[in-house]
C-alpha atoms as a PDB file:
ATOM      1  CA  MET A   1      -5.474  17.920 -20.657  1.00  0.00           C
ATOM      2  CA  SER A   2      -8.910  17.671 -22.223  1.00  0.00           C
ATOM      3  CA  GLY A   3     -11.433  14.995 -21.351  1.00  0.00           C
ATOM      4  CA  THR A   4     -10.515  13.004 -24.461  1.00  0.00           C
ATOM      5  CA  GLU A   5      -6.728  13.110 -24.160  1.00  0.00           C
ATOM      6  CA  ASP A   6      -4.604  10.481 -22.449  1.00  0.00           C
ATOM      7  CA  LEU A   7      -3.381  11.291 -18.957  1.00  0.00           C
ATOM      8  CA  ARG A   8       0.349  12.017 -19.151  1.00  0.00           C
ATOM      9  CA  VAL A   9       2.029  10.220 -16.252  1.00  0.00           C
ATOM     10  CA  ALA A  10       5.511  10.559 -14.768  1.00  0.00           C
ATOM     11  CA  VAL A  11       6.707   7.402 -13.016  1.00  0.00           C
ATOM     12  CA  LEU A  12       9.267   8.179 -10.326  1.00  0.00           C
ATOM     13  CA  GLY A  13      11.331   5.184  -9.273  1.00  0.00           C
ATOM     14  CA  VAL A  14      11.483   2.196 -11.623  1.00  0.00           C
ATOM     15  CA  GLY A  15      12.638  -0.613  -9.402  1.00  0.00           C
ATOM     16  CA  VAL A  16      10.469  -3.737  -9.295  1.00  0.00           C
ATOM     17  CA  MET A  17       7.232  -1.885  -8.459  1.00  0.00           C
ATOM     18  CA  GLY A  18       7.796   1.167 -10.646  1.00  0.00           C
ATOM     19  CA  ALA A  19       8.838  -0.894 -13.664  1.00  0.00           C
ATOM     20  CA  ASP A  20       5.740  -3.000 -13.174  1.00  0.00           C
ATOM     21  CA  HIS A  21       3.602   0.162 -13.187  1.00  0.00           C
ATOM     22  CA  VAL A  22       5.236   1.406 -16.406  1.00  0.00           C
ATOM     23  CA  ASP A  23       4.395  -1.913 -18.057  1.00  0.00           C
ATOM     24  CA  ARG A  24       0.874  -1.797 -16.584  1.00  0.00           C
ATOM     25  CA  ILE A  25       0.161   1.685 -17.969  1.00  0.00           C
ATOM     26  CA  ASN A  26       1.653   0.788 -21.344  1.00  0.00           C
ATOM     27  CA  ARG A  27      -0.188  -2.502 -21.780  1.00  0.00           C
ATOM     28  CA  ARG A  28      -3.258  -2.800 -19.557  1.00  0.00           C
ATOM     29  CA  ILE A  29      -4.501   0.666 -18.601  1.00  0.00           C
ATOM     30  CA  SER A  30      -6.662   2.798 -20.870  1.00  0.00           C
ATOM     31  CA  GLY A  31      -6.629   6.581 -20.949  1.00  0.00           C
ATOM     32  CA  ALA A  32      -3.010   7.090 -19.846  1.00  0.00           C
ATOM     33  CA  ARG A  33       0.551   6.975 -21.138  1.00  0.00           C
ATOM     34  CA  VAL A  34       3.975   7.314 -19.536  1.00  0.00           C
ATOM     35  CA  THR A  35       5.668  10.539 -20.636  1.00  0.00           C
ATOM     36  CA  VAL A  36       8.470  10.803 -18.039  1.00  0.00           C
ATOM     37  CA  ILE A  37      10.589   8.214 -16.224  1.00  0.00           C
ATOM     38  CA  SER A  38      12.858   9.128 -13.329  1.00  0.00           C
ATOM     39  CA  ASP A  39      15.227   6.988 -11.281  1.00  0.00           C
ATOM     40  CA  THR A  40      18.488   7.426  -9.383  1.00  0.00           C
ATOM     41  CA  SER A  41      19.988   4.758 -11.649  1.00  0.00           C
ATOM     42  CA  ALA A  42      20.390   6.084 -15.204  1.00  0.00           C
ATOM     43  CA  GLU A  43      20.970   2.524 -16.400  1.00  0.00           C
ATOM     44  CA  ARG A  44      17.752   1.252 -14.876  1.00  0.00           C
ATOM     45  CA  ALA A  45      15.785   4.250 -16.167  1.00  0.00           C
ATOM     46  CA  ALA A  46      17.084   3.639 -19.673  1.00  0.00           C
ATOM     47  CA  GLU A  47      16.279  -0.070 -19.487  1.00  0.00           C
ATOM     48  CA  VAL A  48      12.679   0.540 -18.400  1.00  0.00           C
ATOM     49  CA  GLY A  49      12.397   3.511 -20.756  1.00  0.00           C
ATOM     50  CA  ALA A  50      13.066   1.232 -23.709  1.00  0.00           C
ATOM     51  CA  SER A  51       9.560  -0.142 -23.217  1.00  0.00           C
ATOM     52  CA  ALA A  52       8.111   3.388 -23.244  1.00  0.00           C
ATOM     53  CA  PRO A  53       9.855   5.021 -26.239  1.00  0.00           C
ATOM     54  CA  ASP A  54       7.791   8.212 -26.018  1.00  0.00           C
ATOM     55  CA  ALA A  55       8.879   8.885 -22.438  1.00  0.00           C
ATOM     56  CA  GLN A  56      11.732  11.237 -21.640  1.00  0.00           C
ATOM     57  CA  LEU A  57      14.229  10.355 -18.915  1.00  0.00           C
ATOM     58  CA  VAL A  58      14.617  12.962 -16.173  1.00  0.00           C
ATOM     59  CA  ALA A  59      17.111  12.121 -13.444  1.00  0.00           C
ATOM     60  CA  ASP A  60      15.971  14.632 -10.814  1.00  0.00           C
ATOM     61  CA  PRO A  61      12.560  13.630  -9.363  1.00  0.00           C
ATOM     62  CA  PHE A  62      11.517  17.218  -8.611  1.00  0.00           C
ATOM     63  CA  GLU A  63      12.344  18.278 -12.149  1.00  0.00           C
ATOM     64  CA  ALA A  64      10.303  15.306 -13.350  1.00  0.00           C
ATOM     65  CA  ILE A  65       7.305  16.473 -11.322  1.00  0.00           C
ATOM     66  CA  ALA A  66       7.601  19.957 -12.834  1.00  0.00           C
ATOM     67  CA  VAL A  67       7.798  18.824 -16.473  1.00  0.00           C
ATOM     68  CA  GLU A  68       5.034  20.500 -18.481  1.00  0.00           C
ATOM     69  CA  ASP A  69       4.308  17.240 -20.283  1.00  0.00           C
ATOM     70  CA  VAL A  70       3.142  15.644 -16.999  1.00  0.00           C
ATOM     71  CA  ASP A  71      -0.453  15.705 -15.739  1.00  0.00           C
ATOM     72  CA  ALA A  72      -0.028  13.272 -12.837  1.00  0.00           C
ATOM     73  CA  VAL A  73       2.676  11.365 -10.982  1.00  0.00           C
ATOM     74  CA  LEU A  74       3.007   7.737  -9.927  1.00  0.00           C
ATOM     75  CA  LEU A  75       5.441   7.616  -7.041  1.00  0.00           C
ATOM     76  CA  ALA A  76       7.371   4.353  -6.558  1.00  0.00           C
ATOM     77  CA  THR A  77      10.630   5.693  -5.133  1.00  0.00           C
ATOM     78  CA  PRO A  78      12.113   4.458  -1.822  1.00  0.00           C
ATOM     79  CA  SER A  79       9.831   4.948   1.180  1.00  0.00           C
ATOM     80  CA  ALA A  80      12.085   7.494   2.896  1.00  0.00           C
ATOM     81  CA  VAL A  81      11.558  10.096   0.141  1.00  0.00           C
ATOM     82  CA  HIS A  82       7.821   9.610  -0.395  1.00  0.00           C
ATOM     83  CA  ALA A  83       6.683  12.458   1.857  1.00  0.00           C
ATOM     84  CA  GLU A  84       8.877  15.149   0.306  1.00  0.00           C
ATOM     85  CA  GLN A  85       8.046  14.089  -3.230  1.00  0.00           C
ATOM     86  CA  ALA A  86       4.316  13.665  -2.608  1.00  0.00           C
ATOM     87  CA  LEU A  87       4.203  17.129  -1.023  1.00  0.00           C
ATOM     88  CA  ALA A  88       5.977  18.548  -4.073  1.00  0.00           C
ATOM     89  CA  CYS A  89       3.265  17.020  -6.268  1.00  0.00           C
ATOM     90  CA  VAL A  90       0.535  18.602  -4.114  1.00  0.00           C
ATOM     91  CA  ASN A  91       2.261  21.995  -4.202  1.00  0.00           C
ATOM     92  CA  ALA A  92       2.493  21.726  -7.989  1.00  0.00           C
ATOM     93  CA  GLY A  93      -1.213  20.896  -8.169  1.00  0.00           C
ATOM     94  CA  LYS A  94      -0.476  17.523  -9.745  1.00  0.00           C
ATOM     95  CA  PRO A  95      -2.389  14.384  -8.675  1.00  0.00           C
ATOM     96  CA  VAL A  96      -0.169  11.623  -7.312  1.00  0.00           C
ATOM     97  CA  LEU A  97      -0.590   7.914  -6.702  1.00  0.00           C
ATOM     98  CA  CYS A  98       1.975   7.292  -3.955  1.00  0.00           C
ATOM     99  CA  GLU A  99       3.036   3.767  -3.115  1.00  0.00           C
ATOM    100  CA  LYS A 100       2.854   2.962   0.582  1.00  0.00           C
ATOM    101  CA  PRO A 101       3.892   4.267   3.006  1.00  0.00           C
ATOM    102  CA  MET A 102       3.000   7.874   2.207  1.00  0.00           C
ATOM    103  CA  ALA A 103       5.636   8.941   4.737  1.00  0.00           C
ATOM    104  CA  THR A 104       7.965   7.357   7.266  1.00  0.00           C
ATOM    105  CA  ASP A 105       7.069   9.766  10.052  1.00  0.00           C
ATOM    106  CA  ALA A 106       3.672  10.931  11.222  1.00  0.00           C
ATOM    107  CA  GLU A 107       4.488  14.652  11.060  1.00  0.00           C
ATOM    108  CA  GLY A 108       5.563  14.367   7.430  1.00  0.00           C
ATOM    109  CA  ALA A 109       2.326  12.590   6.591  1.00  0.00           C
ATOM    110  CA  LEU A 110       0.231  15.139   8.493  1.00  0.00           C
ATOM    111  CA  ALA A 111       1.890  17.980   6.577  1.00  0.00           C
ATOM    112  CA  ILE A 112       0.590  16.459   3.346  1.00  0.00           C
ATOM    113  CA  VAL A 113      -2.922  16.108   4.772  1.00  0.00           C
ATOM    114  CA  ARG A 114      -2.936  19.725   5.925  1.00  0.00           C
ATOM    115  CA  ARG A 115      -1.552  21.113   2.665  1.00  0.00           C
ATOM    116  CA  GLU A 116      -4.125  19.203   0.641  1.00  0.00           C
ATOM    117  CA  ALA A 117      -6.869  20.525   2.943  1.00  0.00           C
ATOM    118  CA  GLU A 118      -5.600  24.087   2.431  1.00  0.00           C
ATOM    119  CA  LEU A 119      -5.932  23.668  -1.317  1.00  0.00           C
ATOM    120  CA  GLY A 120      -9.444  22.264  -0.937  1.00  0.00           C
ATOM    121  CA  ARG A 121      -8.757  19.513  -3.441  1.00  0.00           C
ATOM    122  CA  ARG A 122      -7.921  15.829  -2.958  1.00  0.00           C
ATOM    123  CA  LEU A 123      -4.789  15.105  -4.973  1.00  0.00           C
ATOM    124  CA  VAL A 124      -3.103  12.221  -3.111  1.00  0.00           C
ATOM    125  CA  GLN A 125      -4.059   8.572  -3.460  1.00  0.00           C
ATOM    126  CA  VAL A 126      -2.055   5.993  -1.499  1.00  0.00           C
ATOM    127  CA  GLY A 127      -1.193   2.596  -2.967  1.00  0.00           C
ATOM    128  CA  PHE A 128      -3.047   0.290  -0.604  1.00  0.00           C
ATOM    129  CA  MET A 129      -4.004  -2.030  -3.435  1.00  0.00           C
ATOM    130  CA  ARG A 130      -5.798  -4.594  -1.240  1.00  0.00           C
ATOM    131  CA  ARG A 131      -8.838  -2.313  -1.227  1.00  0.00           C
ATOM    132  CA  PHE A 132      -9.126  -3.129  -4.948  1.00  0.00           C
ATOM    133  CA  ASP A 133      -8.670  -6.894  -4.518  1.00  0.00           C
ATOM    134  CA  HIS A 134     -11.861  -8.837  -5.230  1.00  0.00           C
ATOM    135  CA  GLU A 135     -11.481 -11.060  -2.162  1.00  0.00           C
ATOM    136  CA  HIS A 136     -10.999  -8.115   0.190  1.00  0.00           C
ATOM    137  CA  GLN A 137     -13.965  -6.326  -1.370  1.00  0.00           C
ATOM    138  CA  ARG A 138     -16.171  -9.366  -0.912  1.00  0.00           C
ATOM    139  CA  LEU A 139     -15.134  -9.705   2.746  1.00  0.00           C
ATOM    140  CA  LYS A 140     -15.840  -6.002   3.268  1.00  0.00           C
ATOM    141  CA  SER A 141     -19.321  -6.448   1.788  1.00  0.00           C
ATOM    142  CA  LEU A 142     -20.048  -9.371   4.137  1.00  0.00           C
ATOM    143  CA  ILE A 143     -19.035  -7.304   7.155  1.00  0.00           C
ATOM    144  CA  ASP A 144     -20.964  -4.213   6.085  1.00  0.00           C
ATOM    145  CA  ALA A 145     -24.090  -6.267   5.382  1.00  0.00           C
ATOM    146  CA  GLY A 146     -23.980  -7.674   8.916  1.00  0.00           C
ATOM    147  CA  GLU A 147     -23.697 -11.261   7.709  1.00  0.00           C
ATOM    148  CA  LEU A 148     -20.978 -12.032  10.270  1.00  0.00           C
ATOM    149  CA  GLY A 149     -22.754 -10.136  13.017  1.00  0.00           C
ATOM    150  CA  GLN A 150     -20.565  -7.852  15.071  1.00  0.00           C
ATOM    151  CA  PRO A 151     -16.874  -8.318  14.159  1.00  0.00           C
ATOM    152  CA  LEU A 152     -14.900  -9.211  17.269  1.00  0.00           C
ATOM    153  CA  VAL A 153     -11.392 -10.209  16.234  1.00  0.00           C
ATOM    154  CA  MET A 154      -9.366 -10.443  13.060  1.00  0.00           C
ATOM    155  CA  HIS A 155      -6.489 -12.799  12.289  1.00  0.00           C
ATOM    156  CA  CYS A 156      -3.917 -11.919   9.615  1.00  0.00           C
ATOM    157  CA  VAL A 157      -0.970 -13.739   8.068  1.00  0.00           C
ATOM    158  CA  HIS A 158       1.559 -11.976   5.833  1.00  0.00           C
ATOM    159  CA  ARG A 159       4.403 -14.195   4.605  1.00  0.00           C
ATOM    160  CA  ASN A 160       7.043 -13.552   1.958  1.00  0.00           C
ATOM    161  CA  PRO A 161       9.462 -16.202   0.708  1.00  0.00           C
ATOM    162  CA  ALA A 162      12.392 -13.789   1.055  1.00  0.00           C
ATOM    163  CA  VAL A 163      13.312 -10.106   1.281  1.00  0.00           C
ATOM    164  CA  PRO A 164      16.323  -8.082   0.058  1.00  0.00           C
ATOM    165  CA  PRO A 165      19.419  -8.166   2.301  1.00  0.00           C
ATOM    166  CA  GLN A 166      18.932  -4.528   3.332  1.00  0.00           C
ATOM    167  CA  CYS A 167      15.540  -5.246   4.910  1.00  0.00           C
ATOM    168  CA  ASP A 168      15.653  -4.557   8.649  1.00  0.00           C
ATOM    169  CA  SER A 169      13.134  -5.109  11.441  1.00  0.00           C
ATOM    170  CA  ALA A 170      11.552  -1.669  11.027  1.00  0.00           C
ATOM    171  CA  ALA A 171      11.124  -2.244   7.287  1.00  0.00           C
ATOM    172  CA  VAL A 172       8.925  -5.260   8.056  1.00  0.00           C
ATOM    173  CA  ILE A 173       6.476  -2.839   9.684  1.00  0.00           C
ATOM    174  CA  TRP A 174       6.771  -0.077   7.076  1.00  0.00           C
ATOM    175  CA  ASN A 175       6.590  -2.371   4.041  1.00  0.00           C
ATOM    176  CA  SER A 176       4.564  -5.401   5.138  1.00  0.00           C
ATOM    177  CA  VAL A 177       2.553  -4.802   8.326  1.00  0.00           C
ATOM    178  CA  VAL A 178       1.413  -1.438   6.926  1.00  0.00           C
ATOM    179  CA  HIS A 179      -0.858  -3.374   4.539  1.00  0.00           C
ATOM    180  CA  GLU A 180      -2.568  -5.170   7.437  1.00  0.00           C
ATOM    181  CA  ILE A 181      -2.909  -1.843   9.232  1.00  0.00           C
ATOM    182  CA  ASP A 182      -4.775  -0.352   6.281  1.00  0.00           C
ATOM    183  CA  ALA A 183      -6.770  -3.555   5.759  1.00  0.00           C
ATOM    184  CA  THR A 184      -7.895  -3.331   9.396  1.00  0.00           C
ATOM    185  CA  ARG A 185      -9.090   0.249   8.937  1.00  0.00           C
ATOM    186  CA  TYR A 186     -10.765  -0.629   5.615  1.00  0.00           C
ATOM    187  CA  LEU A 187     -12.523  -3.806   6.740  1.00  0.00           C
ATOM    188  CA  LEU A 188     -13.548  -2.718  10.253  1.00  0.00           C
ATOM    189  CA  GLY A 189     -14.160   0.942   9.429  1.00  0.00           C
ATOM    190  CA  GLU A 190     -12.469   2.461  12.476  1.00  0.00           C
ATOM    191  CA  GLU A 191      -9.151   3.818  13.646  1.00  0.00           C
ATOM    192  CA  ILE A 192      -6.432   1.896  15.472  1.00  0.00           C
ATOM    193  CA  MET A 193      -5.715   3.155  18.984  1.00  0.00           C
ATOM    194  CA  ALA A 194      -2.777   0.980  20.143  1.00  0.00           C
ATOM    195  CA  ILE A 195      -0.197  -1.461  18.822  1.00  0.00           C
ATOM    196  CA  THR A 196       2.035  -4.089  20.411  1.00  0.00           C
ATOM    197  CA  VAL A 197       4.873  -5.782  18.526  1.00  0.00           C
ATOM    198  CA  LEU A 198       6.081  -9.113  19.933  1.00  0.00           C
ATOM    199  CA  ARG A 199       9.389 -10.740  19.037  1.00  0.00           C
ATOM    200  CA  PRO A 200       9.341 -14.532  18.672  1.00  0.00           C
ATOM    201  CA  THR A 201      12.498 -16.572  18.167  1.00  0.00           C
ATOM    202  CA  PRO A 202      13.949 -15.377  14.830  1.00  0.00           C
ATOM    203  CA  SER A 203      13.907 -17.711  11.853  1.00  0.00           C
ATOM    204  CA  SER A 204      17.165 -19.326  10.798  1.00  0.00           C
ATOM    205  CA  HIS A 205      16.535 -17.766   7.367  1.00  0.00           C
ATOM    206  CA  ALA A 206      16.502 -14.207   8.747  1.00  0.00           C
ATOM    207  CA  ALA A 207      19.636 -12.092   8.287  1.00  0.00           C
ATOM    208  CA  GLU A 208      21.642 -11.109  11.331  1.00  0.00           C
ATOM    209  CA  GLY A 209      19.701  -8.511  13.314  1.00  0.00           C
ATOM    210  CA  LEU A 210      16.424  -8.994  11.433  1.00  0.00           C
ATOM    211  CA  GLN A 211      13.534  -9.733  13.797  1.00  0.00           C
ATOM    212  CA  ASP A 212      11.500 -12.160  11.733  1.00  0.00           C
ATOM    213  CA  PRO A 213       8.810 -13.267  12.329  1.00  0.00           C
ATOM    214  CA  GLN A 214       6.987 -10.536  14.215  1.00  0.00           C
ATOM    215  CA  LEU A 215       3.624 -10.853  15.958  1.00  0.00           C
ATOM    216  CA  VAL A 216       1.620  -7.627  16.009  1.00  0.00           C
ATOM    217  CA  ILE A 217      -1.500  -6.875  18.039  1.00  0.00           C
ATOM    218  CA  LEU A 218      -3.726  -3.958  17.004  1.00  0.00           C
ATOM    219  CA  GLU A 219      -6.481  -2.509  19.186  1.00  0.00           C
ATOM    220  CA  THR A 220      -9.238  -0.472  17.522  1.00  0.00           C
ATOM    221  CA  GLU A 221     -11.248   2.375  18.990  1.00  0.00           C
ATOM    222  CA  THR A 222     -14.205   0.105  19.874  1.00  0.00           C
ATOM    223  CA  GLY A 223     -12.029  -2.594  21.441  1.00  0.00           C
ATOM    224  CA  ARG A 224     -11.725  -5.014  18.558  1.00  0.00           C
ATOM    225  CA  MET A 225      -8.382  -6.790  18.331  1.00  0.00           C
ATOM    226  CA  VAL A 226      -6.346  -7.862  15.336  1.00  0.00           C
ATOM    227  CA  ASP A 227      -3.378 -10.227  15.434  1.00  0.00           C
ATOM    228  CA  ILE A 228      -0.853 -10.236  12.611  1.00  0.00           C
ATOM    229  CA  GLU A 229       1.864 -12.753  11.866  1.00  0.00           C
ATOM    230  CA  ALA A 230       4.452 -11.039   9.666  1.00  0.00           C
ATOM    231  CA  PHE A 231       7.036 -13.536   8.421  1.00  0.00           C
ATOM    232  CA  VAL A 232       9.056 -12.218   5.487  1.00  0.00           C
ATOM    233  CA  THR A 233      11.695 -14.964   5.173  1.00  0.00           C
ATOM    234  CA  SER A 234       9.406 -17.982   5.210  1.00  0.00           C
ATOM    235  CA  GLY A 235      11.181 -19.588   2.241  1.00  0.00           C
ATOM    236  CA  VAL A 236       7.870 -21.050   1.064  1.00  0.00           C
ATOM    237  CA  GLY A 237       5.844 -18.568  -0.990  1.00  0.00           C
ATOM    238  CA  TYR A 238       3.707 -15.450  -0.779  1.00  0.00           C
ATOM    239  CA  GLU A 239       0.774 -15.851   1.578  1.00  0.00           C
ATOM    240  CA  VAL A 240      -1.723 -13.203   2.664  1.00  0.00           C
ATOM    241  CA  ARG A 241      -4.659 -14.492   4.700  1.00  0.00           C
ATOM    242  CA  THR A 242      -7.293 -12.585   6.623  1.00  0.00           C
ATOM    243  CA  GLU A 243     -10.032 -14.017   8.829  1.00  0.00           C
ATOM    244  CA  VAL A 244     -12.726 -11.908  10.450  1.00  0.00           C
ATOM    245  CA  VAL A 245     -14.572 -13.539  13.352  1.00  0.00           C
ATOM    246  CA  GLY A 246     -17.957 -12.139  14.321  1.00  0.00           C
ATOM    247  CA  ASP A 247     -20.679 -13.147  16.757  1.00  0.00           C
ATOM    248  CA  ARG A 248     -22.675 -14.714  13.913  1.00  0.00           C
ATOM    249  CA  GLY A 249     -19.904 -16.429  11.981  1.00  0.00           C
ATOM    250  CA  SER A 250     -16.494 -15.979  10.396  1.00  0.00           C
ATOM    251  CA  ALA A 251     -15.006 -15.599   6.936  1.00  0.00           C
ATOM    252  CA  MET A 252     -11.487 -16.031   5.587  1.00  0.00           C
ATOM    253  CA  ILE A 253      -9.781 -14.903   2.389  1.00  0.00           C
ATOM    254  CA  GLY A 254      -6.383 -15.670   0.867  1.00  0.00           C
ATOM    255  CA  LEU A 255      -6.464 -19.444   0.927  1.00  0.00           C
ATOM    256  CA  ASP A 256      -5.145 -19.872  -2.628  1.00  0.00           C
ATOM    257  CA  VAL A 257      -7.945 -22.327  -3.265  1.00  0.00           C
ATOM    258  CA  GLY A 258      -7.488 -22.989  -6.919  1.00  0.00           C
ATOM    259  CA  LEU A 259      -6.749 -26.512  -8.088  1.00  0.00           C
ATOM    260  CA  VAL A 260      -6.468 -28.922  -5.146  1.00  0.00           C
ATOM    261  CA  ARG A 261      -4.860 -32.202  -6.125  1.00  0.00           C
ATOM    262  CA  ARG A 262      -4.725 -35.614  -4.469  1.00  0.00           C
ATOM    263  CA  THR A 263      -2.119 -38.166  -5.589  1.00  0.00           C
ATOM    264  CA  ASP A 264      -1.564 -41.872  -5.134  1.00  0.00           C
ATOM    265  CA  SER A 265       1.374 -41.041  -2.876  1.00  0.00           C
ATOM    266  CA  GLY A 266      -1.131 -40.022  -0.221  1.00  0.00           C
ATOM    267  CA  ARG A 267      -0.462 -36.319  -0.632  1.00  0.00           C
ATOM    268  CA  TRP A 268      -2.851 -33.546  -1.466  1.00  0.00           C
ATOM    269  CA  GLY A 269      -2.448 -29.824  -2.053  1.00  0.00           C
ATOM    270  CA  GLY A 270      -2.255 -27.030  -4.543  1.00  0.00           C
ATOM    271  CA  GLN A 271       0.039 -24.204  -5.604  1.00  0.00           C
ATOM    272  CA  ILE A 272       1.185 -21.397  -3.304  1.00  0.00           C
ATOM    273  CA  THR A 273       1.346 -17.999  -4.993  1.00  0.00           C
ATOM    274  CA  PRO A 274       5.035 -17.212  -5.642  1.00  0.00           C
ATOM    275  CA  GLY A 275       4.933 -13.422  -5.206  1.00  0.00           C
ATOM    276  CA  PHE A 276       2.907 -10.287  -4.552  1.00  0.00           C
ATOM    277  CA  ARG A 277       2.549  -9.372  -8.221  1.00  0.00           C
ATOM    278  CA  GLU A 278       0.885 -12.684  -8.984  1.00  0.00           C
ATOM    279  CA  ARG A 279      -1.383 -12.523  -5.920  1.00  0.00           C
ATOM    280  CA  PHE A 280      -2.452  -8.907  -6.363  1.00  0.00           C
ATOM    281  CA  GLY A 281      -2.038  -8.358 -10.107  1.00  0.00           C
ATOM    282  CA  GLN A 282      -5.773  -7.760 -10.570  1.00  0.00           C
ATOM    283  CA  ALA A 283      -5.820  -5.356  -7.617  1.00  0.00           C
ATOM    284  CA  TYR A 284      -2.924  -3.296  -8.988  1.00  0.00           C
ATOM    285  CA  ASP A 285      -4.570  -3.104 -12.411  1.00  0.00           C
ATOM    286  CA  SER A 286      -7.893  -1.994 -10.903  1.00  0.00           C
ATOM    287  CA  GLU A 287      -6.183   0.495  -8.600  1.00  0.00           C
ATOM    288  CA  VAL A 288      -4.250   2.256 -11.359  1.00  0.00           C
ATOM    289  CA  GLN A 289      -7.161   2.232 -13.814  1.00  0.00           C
ATOM    290  CA  ARG A 290      -9.515   3.784 -11.265  1.00  0.00           C
ATOM    291  CA  TRP A 291      -6.893   6.367 -10.327  1.00  0.00           C
ATOM    292  CA  VAL A 292      -6.420   7.320 -13.983  1.00  0.00           C
ATOM    293  CA  ASP A 293     -10.180   7.585 -14.445  1.00  0.00           C
ATOM    294  CA  ALA A 294     -10.530   9.726 -11.299  1.00  0.00           C
ATOM    295  CA  VAL A 295      -7.768  12.129 -12.347  1.00  0.00           C
ATOM    296  CA  ARG A 296      -9.233  12.545 -15.808  1.00  0.00           C
ATOM    297  CA  ALA A 297     -12.690  13.125 -14.333  1.00  0.00           C
ATOM    298  CA  GLY A 298     -11.278  15.641 -11.831  1.00  0.00           C
ATOM    299  CA  GLY A 299      -9.788  17.754 -14.575  1.00  0.00           C
ATOM    300  CA  GLY A 300      -7.888  20.801 -13.421  1.00  0.00           C
ATOM    301  CA  SER A 301      -9.873  21.617 -10.298  1.00  0.00           C
ATOM    302  CA  GLY A 302     -11.792  18.594  -8.965  1.00  0.00           C
ATOM    303  CA  ASP A 303     -10.875  15.736  -6.645  1.00  0.00           C
ATOM    304  CA  CYS A 304      -8.533  13.191  -8.195  1.00  0.00           C
ATOM    305  CA  VAL A 305      -8.843  10.231  -5.821  1.00  0.00           C
ATOM    306  CA  ASP A 306     -10.801   6.988  -6.066  1.00  0.00           C
ATOM    307  CA  GLY A 307      -9.524   4.987  -3.125  1.00  0.00           C
ATOM    308  CA  PRO A 308      -7.436   5.538   0.016  1.00  0.00           C
ATOM    309  CA  GLY A 309      -6.377   9.170   0.299  1.00  0.00           C
ATOM    310  CA  ALA A 310      -3.970  11.334   2.263  1.00  0.00           C
ATOM    311  CA  TRP A 311      -5.792  10.808   5.562  1.00  0.00           C
ATOM    312  CA  ASP A 312      -5.469   7.034   5.146  1.00  0.00           C
ATOM    313  CA  GLY A 313      -1.771   7.525   4.451  1.00  0.00           C
ATOM    314  CA  TYR A 314      -1.420   9.592   7.626  1.00  0.00           C
ATOM    315  CA  ALA A 315      -3.415   7.182   9.805  1.00  0.00           C
ATOM    316  CA  SER A 316      -1.363   4.174   8.709  1.00  0.00           C
ATOM    317  CA  THR A 317       1.885   6.107   9.181  1.00  0.00           C
ATOM    318  CA  ALA A 318       0.873   7.076  12.722  1.00  0.00           C
ATOM    319  CA  VAL A 319       0.231   3.417  13.579  1.00  0.00           C
ATOM    320  CA  CYS A 320       3.518   2.315  11.994  1.00  0.00           C
ATOM    321  CA  THR A 321       5.385   5.001  13.952  1.00  0.00           C
ATOM    322  CA  ALA A 322       3.915   3.627  17.170  1.00  0.00           C
ATOM    323  CA  GLY A 323       4.756   0.117  15.983  1.00  0.00           C
ATOM    324  CA  ILE A 324       8.430   1.003  15.586  1.00  0.00           C
ATOM    325  CA  ARG A 325       8.464   2.280  19.178  1.00  0.00           C
ATOM    326  CA  SER A 326       6.847  -0.951  20.360  1.00  0.00           C
ATOM    327  CA  LEU A 327       9.405  -2.995  18.408  1.00  0.00           C
ATOM    328  CA  GLU A 328      12.191  -1.101  20.167  1.00  0.00           C
ATOM    329  CA  THR A 329      10.713  -1.074  23.671  1.00  0.00           C
ATOM    330  CA  TRP A 330       8.638  -4.288  23.703  1.00  0.00           C
ATOM    331  CA  ASP A 331       5.785  -2.182  25.125  1.00  0.00           C
ATOM    332  CA  ARG A 332       2.172  -1.584  24.147  1.00  0.00           C
ATOM    333  CA  ILE A 333       2.168   1.848  22.493  1.00  0.00           C
ATOM    334  CA  GLU A 334      -0.847   4.085  22.057  1.00  0.00           C
ATOM    335  CA  VAL A 335      -1.134   5.700  18.632  1.00  0.00           C
ATOM    336  CA  ASP A 336      -0.530   9.467  18.648  1.00  0.00           C
ATOM    337  CA  MET A 337      -2.873  10.846  16.002  1.00  0.00           C
ATOM    338  CA  VAL A 338      -4.731  14.141  15.647  1.00  0.00           C
ATOM    339  CA  PRO A 339      -8.527  13.853  15.392  1.00  0.00           C
ATOM    340  CA  ARG A 340      -9.718  13.924  11.822  1.00  0.00           C
ATOM    341  CA  SER A 341     -12.205  16.649  12.699  1.00  0.00           C
ATOM    342  CA  THR A 342      -9.361  19.063  13.489  1.00  0.00           C
ATOM    343  CA  VAL A 343      -8.103  19.108   9.899  1.00  0.00           C
ATOM    344  CA  ASP A 344     -10.386  21.326   7.839  1.00  0.00           C
ATOM    345  CA  GLY A 345     -11.421  19.950   4.486  1.00  0.00           C
ATOM    346  CA  VAL A 346     -10.461  16.317   5.113  1.00  0.00           C
END
């Protein structure tokens, strides 16, 4: 690929998120085009492929990664296969934007970090799109500028109206709480040392066996604490709120403060965002565009990441792994993570 040619992207997994990425690259991203689509469902691949007529359909994901007509890979397959497929991309020397989580076990994530370090080239970007959200970026700037003083605690709310029937209690941590884990590391700029998962009375909307809501407490390396309410069957709408409280003030994002209406019935209010694509559409667009730009700038030998990388994927996976143990045992669990300094090249 020359500096003037479009980046040729393989999209692996075209469920809701992957199909959205295919549409994004086709319609809103410059400098890239989808050349390969892969999914376990041939019917779904063909349906999404109809919107990308120049893309070939390759059923096997590893064959898709190896296709010569592929410069980079966007990985949106099920979480359980992310680690193996992301590692295959690294071994093939192909940049990859991997949707979260990068892996569903800490050792699998660490293997990716170490392999990337061996190659001496950053190839893995992880899809923590909140880092590209304008509200999160503004909050980060306030913290870094010292306008809130020393951050002391952080309060987070993550609510979905509903989740698929197969969602279990662990999936709430891997698919929802993982975003708050990365947001904590991004906003506060430090690692998470311990996690406690509490189990309130389950909602009547939660499927049998699903612990929902969950209350999660994170402890950072300097003693800051973060509380997270994860409620994925709220039945109301999609709500993501974050408040950072410092010793000189506080700031909150995610209030959906658009039009606020008062009526003669004595009611007032606005519109709750219906889903994650509406809330974070701008962030996804910015994330993918910056990834494409970084890969094209990296060429065949440079770094190809502009955002959270493999270490961020490993750190969040380590915290999630501890969170699953806490969910099972009801205990406070310390995060088992190797020091970053021990991995050469990170």
